[in-house]
Amino acid sequence: MDINGIFNSIVRYVQANPVVTAATSISLLILLFWRPKIFLILISIVAAAYGLAILFGKLAETGLG
């Protein structure tokens, strides 16, 4: 999946679910200012999960051998 497709899916989700988006944004801002260590751990976990999703997607396309 290209980066443009990722941004398009994020924009569609934000437009379809404004309450969930607002609650998530407020929670992340609170973590950013009051518990930055937890915030960075969450961001790291999300980045690692995204990297694994890309890896599994490429392996599913090409196969292992």
Protein backbone atom coordinates (compact mmCIF):
# COMPACT_ATOMS: atom_id res chain seq x y z
CA MET A 1 0.00 0.00 0.00
CA ASP A 2 1.37 3.38 -0.93
CA ILE A 3 1.50 6.36 1.39
CA ASN A 4 -1.28 8.16 -0.50
CA GLY A 5 -3.65 5.26 0.10
CA ILE A 6 -2.79 5.26 3.80
CA PHE A 7 -3.55 8.98 4.12
CA ASN A 8 -6.79 8.60 2.19
CA SER A 9 -7.97 5.83 4.50
CA ILE A 10 -7.06 7.90 7.58
CA VAL A 11 -8.97 10.91 6.24
CA ARG A 12 -12.04 8.77 5.48
CA TYR A 13 -11.97 7.31 9.01
CA VAL A 14 -11.61 10.73 10.65
CA GLN A 15 -14.49 12.13 8.61
CA ALA A 16 -16.73 9.15 9.35
CA ASN A 17 -15.97 8.98 13.11
CA PRO A 18 -15.44 12.46 14.57
CA VAL A 19 -16.29 11.47 18.17
CA VAL A 20 -13.80 8.60 18.24
CA THR A 21 -11.18 10.79 16.60
CA ALA A 22 -11.68 13.58 19.13
CA ALA A 23 -11.50 11.18 22.08
CA THR A 24 -8.35 9.54 20.73
CA SER A 25 -6.72 12.91 20.04
CA ILE A 26 -7.50 14.22 23.51
CA SER A 27 -6.17 11.03 25.10
CA LEU A 28 -2.93 11.23 23.11
CA LEU A 29 -2.45 14.90 23.97
CA ILE A 30 -2.94 14.16 27.66
CA LEU A 31 -0.37 11.37 27.44
CA LEU A 32 2.02 13.61 25.51
CA PHE A 33 2.07 16.28 28.21
CA TRP A 34 1.57 14.26 31.41
CA ARG A 35 3.14 10.88 30.59
CA PRO A 36 5.56 11.33 27.66
CA LYS A 37 7.24 7.98 28.30
CA ILE A 38 3.96 6.09 27.84
CA PHE A 39 3.20 8.20 24.77
CA LEU A 40 6.53 7.29 23.17
CA ILE A 41 6.05 3.62 24.01
CA LEU A 42 2.62 3.65 22.32
CA ILE A 43 3.99 5.41 19.24
CA SER A 44 6.85 2.87 19.06
CA ILE A 45 4.43 -0.06 19.30
CA VAL A 46 2.25 1.40 16.55
CA ALA A 47 5.29 2.00 14.31
CA ALA A 48 6.54 -1.57 14.87
CA ALA A 49 3.09 -3.02 14.15
CA TYR A 50 2.86 -0.97 10.96
CA GLY A 51 6.30 -2.19 9.89
CA LEU A 52 5.27 -5.80 10.50
CA ALA A 53 2.08 -5.26 8.50
CA ILE A 54 4.14 -3.99 5.57
CA LEU A 55 6.53 -6.94 5.89
CA PHE A 56 3.69 -9.47 5.96
CA GLY A 57 2.03 -7.75 3.00
CA LYS A 58 5.20 -8.00 0.93
CA LEU A 59 5.72 -11.63 1.91
CA ALA A 60 2.13 -12.43 0.97
CA GLU A 61 2.62 -10.84 -2.45
CA THR A 62 5.91 -12.51 -3.34
CA GLY A 63 6.00 -15.60 -1.14
CA LEU A 64 8.98 -16.91 0.75
CA GLY A 65 10.73 -18.63 -2.10
